Amino acid sequence: MGWNVTVDADKCSGDNECVDVCPVEVYEMQDGKAVPVNAEECLGCDSCVEVCPSNAITIEEV
C-alpha cells in the first residue's frame, strides 16, 4: 500500500505550509512551489491537504 501525492503547480501559492507540517518531509520548495520530492515516504495522514490554502494537494491511495 502506498500513496500518490500530486501538487497542482498552477494552484500552489508557495506558502510553505505543507513543507512545515509534513512529518516525513515529503515536500520541498522549488522555484516558489511545493514539490513532492519524497512521495514514497507519504503516510497518507492528509496533514498537508488540510493546511493547503489553495487546495493544490491531492493524495490518493494506490
N, C-alpha and C. Protein backbone atom coordinates (compact mmCIF):
# COMPACT_ATOMS: atom_id res chain seq x y z
N MET A 1 0.84 -1.18 0.00
CA MET A 1 0.00 0.00 0.00
C MET A 1 0.88 1.25 0.00
N GLY A 2 0.51 2.20 -0.81
CA GLY A 2 1.25 3.45 -0.87
C GLY A 2 0.32 4.59 -1.21
N TRP A 3 0.90 5.75 -1.44
CA TRP A 3 0.13 6.96 -1.70
C TRP A 3 0.70 7.69 -2.90
N ASN A 4 -0.19 8.18 -3.74
CA ASN A 4 0.19 9.01 -4.87
C ASN A 4 -0.03 10.46 -4.46
N VAL A 5 1.05 11.22 -4.43
CA VAL A 5 1.00 12.61 -3.99
C VAL A 5 1.21 13.52 -5.19
N THR A 6 0.26 14.42 -5.41
CA THR A 6 0.42 15.37 -6.51
C THR A 6 0.15 16.79 -6.01
N VAL A 7 0.88 17.72 -6.61
CA VAL A 7 0.68 19.13 -6.32
C VAL A 7 0.39 19.82 -7.65
N ASP A 8 -0.73 20.51 -7.71
CA ASP A 8 -1.09 21.29 -8.88
C ASP A 8 -0.30 22.60 -8.81
N ALA A 9 0.74 22.70 -9.62
CA ALA A 9 1.62 23.87 -9.58
C ALA A 9 0.88 25.17 -9.91
N ASP A 10 -0.15 25.08 -10.73
CA ASP A 10 -0.92 26.27 -11.07
C ASP A 10 -1.70 26.80 -9.87
N LYS A 11 -2.09 25.92 -8.97
CA LYS A 11 -2.83 26.32 -7.78
C LYS A 11 -1.93 26.67 -6.61
N CYS A 12 -0.75 26.07 -6.55
CA CYS A 12 0.14 26.22 -5.40
C CYS A 12 0.52 27.69 -5.20
N SER A 13 0.27 28.18 -3.99
CA SER A 13 0.59 29.57 -3.67
C SER A 13 2.00 29.73 -3.09
N GLY A 14 2.65 28.61 -2.82
CA GLY A 14 4.02 28.66 -2.32
C GLY A 14 4.15 29.14 -0.90
N ASP A 15 3.13 28.90 -0.09
CA ASP A 15 3.15 29.40 1.30
C ASP A 15 3.96 28.53 2.25
N ASN A 16 4.43 27.36 1.79
CA ASN A 16 5.34 26.53 2.58
C ASN A 16 4.67 25.75 3.70
N GLU A 17 3.36 25.85 3.86
CA GLU A 17 2.67 25.17 4.97
C GLU A 17 2.84 23.65 4.89
N CYS A 18 2.73 23.08 3.71
CA CYS A 18 2.84 21.63 3.56
C CYS A 18 4.24 21.15 3.94
N VAL A 19 5.24 21.93 3.58
CA VAL A 19 6.62 21.58 3.93
C VAL A 19 6.78 21.54 5.44
N ASP A 20 6.21 22.53 6.12
CA ASP A 20 6.33 22.64 7.57
C ASP A 20 5.56 21.56 8.32
N VAL A 21 4.38 21.17 7.81
CA VAL A 21 3.51 20.27 8.55
C VAL A 21 3.81 18.78 8.30
N CYS A 22 4.42 18.46 7.18
CA CYS A 22 4.64 17.05 6.84
C CYS A 22 5.63 16.38 7.82
N PRO A 23 5.20 15.28 8.47
CA PRO A 23 6.06 14.63 9.45
C PRO A 23 7.21 13.82 8.83
N VAL A 24 7.14 13.54 7.53
CA VAL A 24 8.18 12.72 6.89
C VAL A 24 8.88 13.44 5.73
N GLU A 25 8.75 14.75 5.66
CA GLU A 25 9.46 15.59 4.70
C GLU A 25 9.24 15.17 3.25
N VAL A 26 7.98 14.99 2.88
CA VAL A 26 7.63 14.64 1.50
C VAL A 26 7.91 15.81 0.56
N TYR A 27 7.70 17.04 1.03
CA TYR A 27 7.76 18.22 0.16
C TYR A 27 9.03 19.03 0.32
N GLU A 28 9.34 19.73 -0.76
CA GLU A 28 10.45 20.67 -0.79
C GLU A 28 10.00 21.82 -1.70
N MET A 29 10.43 23.01 -1.38
CA MET A 29 10.09 24.17 -2.21
C MET A 29 11.11 24.27 -3.35
N GLN A 30 10.57 24.38 -4.57
CA GLN A 30 11.41 24.56 -5.76
C GLN A 30 10.77 25.64 -6.62
N ASP A 31 11.51 26.68 -6.90
CA ASP A 31 11.01 27.81 -7.70
C ASP A 31 9.70 28.37 -7.14
N GLY A 32 9.60 28.42 -5.81
CA GLY A 32 8.43 29.01 -5.16
C GLY A 32 7.20 28.12 -5.12
N LYS A 33 7.36 26.85 -5.45
CA LYS A 33 6.24 25.91 -5.45
C LYS A 33 6.62 24.66 -4.65
N ALA A 34 5.62 24.02 -4.04
CA ALA A 34 5.86 22.77 -3.31
C ALA A 34 5.97 21.62 -4.31
N VAL A 35 6.97 20.78 -4.10
CA VAL A 35 7.19 19.63 -4.97
C VAL A 35 7.32 18.40 -4.08
N PRO A 36 6.56 17.32 -4.37
CA PRO A 36 6.67 16.09 -3.56
C PRO A 36 7.89 15.28 -3.96
N VAL A 37 9.05 15.63 -3.38
CA VAL A 37 10.32 15.00 -3.75
C VAL A 37 10.52 13.64 -3.07
N ASN A 38 9.78 13.38 -2.00
CA ASN A 38 9.89 12.11 -1.28
C ASN A 38 8.51 11.48 -1.14
N ALA A 39 7.77 11.42 -2.23
CA ALA A 39 6.39 10.93 -2.19
C ALA A 39 6.28 9.51 -1.65
N GLU A 40 7.30 8.72 -1.86
CA GLU A 40 7.28 7.33 -1.38
C GLU A 40 7.26 7.24 0.14
N GLU A 41 7.60 8.33 0.81
CA GLU A 41 7.59 8.37 2.28
C GLU A 41 6.22 8.75 2.85
N CYS A 42 5.30 9.17 2.00
CA CYS A 42 3.99 9.66 2.46
C CYS A 42 3.26 8.64 3.32
N LEU A 43 2.70 9.12 4.43
CA LEU A 43 1.96 8.28 5.37
C LEU A 43 0.46 8.33 5.12
N GLY A 44 0.03 9.22 4.22
CA GLY A 44 -1.40 9.36 3.95
C GLY A 44 -2.15 10.03 5.07
N CYS A 45 -1.47 10.85 5.85
CA CYS A 45 -2.11 11.48 7.02
C CYS A 45 -2.99 12.68 6.65
N ASP A 46 -2.83 13.19 5.44
CA ASP A 46 -3.61 14.32 4.93
C ASP A 46 -3.33 15.64 5.64
N SER A 47 -2.30 15.72 6.44
CA SER A 47 -1.97 16.99 7.12
C SER A 47 -1.71 18.09 6.11
N CYS A 48 -1.00 17.76 5.04
CA CYS A 48 -0.67 18.76 4.02
C CYS A 48 -1.93 19.23 3.30
N VAL A 49 -2.83 18.32 3.03
CA VAL A 49 -4.08 18.66 2.34
C VAL A 49 -4.89 19.63 3.20
N GLU A 50 -4.91 19.38 4.50
CA GLU A 50 -5.69 20.21 5.42
C GLU A 50 -5.14 21.62 5.55
N VAL A 51 -3.81 21.79 5.48
CA VAL A 51 -3.23 23.13 5.67
C VAL A 51 -3.06 23.91 4.37
N CYS A 52 -3.22 23.26 3.23
CA CYS A 52 -3.02 23.95 1.95
C CYS A 52 -4.18 24.92 1.69
N PRO A 53 -3.89 26.23 1.67
CA PRO A 53 -4.96 27.21 1.49
C PRO A 53 -5.51 27.27 0.06
N SER A 54 -4.77 26.71 -0.88
CA SER A 54 -5.20 26.79 -2.28
C SER A 54 -5.71 25.45 -2.84
N ASN A 55 -5.84 24.46 -1.97
CA ASN A 55 -6.32 23.13 -2.39
C ASN A 55 -5.53 22.56 -3.56
N ALA A 56 -4.21 22.72 -3.51
CA ALA A 56 -3.35 22.28 -4.60
C ALA A 56 -2.86 20.84 -4.45
N ILE A 57 -3.07 20.24 -3.27
CA ILE A 57 -2.51 18.91 -3.00
C ILE A 57 -3.59 17.84 -3.04
N THR A 58 -3.23 16.73 -3.70
CA THR A 58 -4.11 15.58 -3.76
C THR A 58 -3.30 14.35 -3.32
N ILE A 59 -3.91 13.55 -2.44
CA ILE A 59 -3.28 12.30 -2.01
C ILE A 59 -4.28 11.18 -2.27
N GLU A 60 -3.83 10.19 -3.05
CA GLU A 60 -4.69 9.05 -3.35
C GLU A 60 -3.97 7.76 -3.01
N GLU A 61 -4.73 6.83 -2.44
CA GLU A 61 -4.17 5.53 -2.12
C GLU A 61 -3.98 4.73 -3.40
N VAL A 62 -2.82 4.07 -3.51
CA VAL A 62 -2.55 3.23 -4.68
C VAL A 62 -2.29 1.80 -4.28
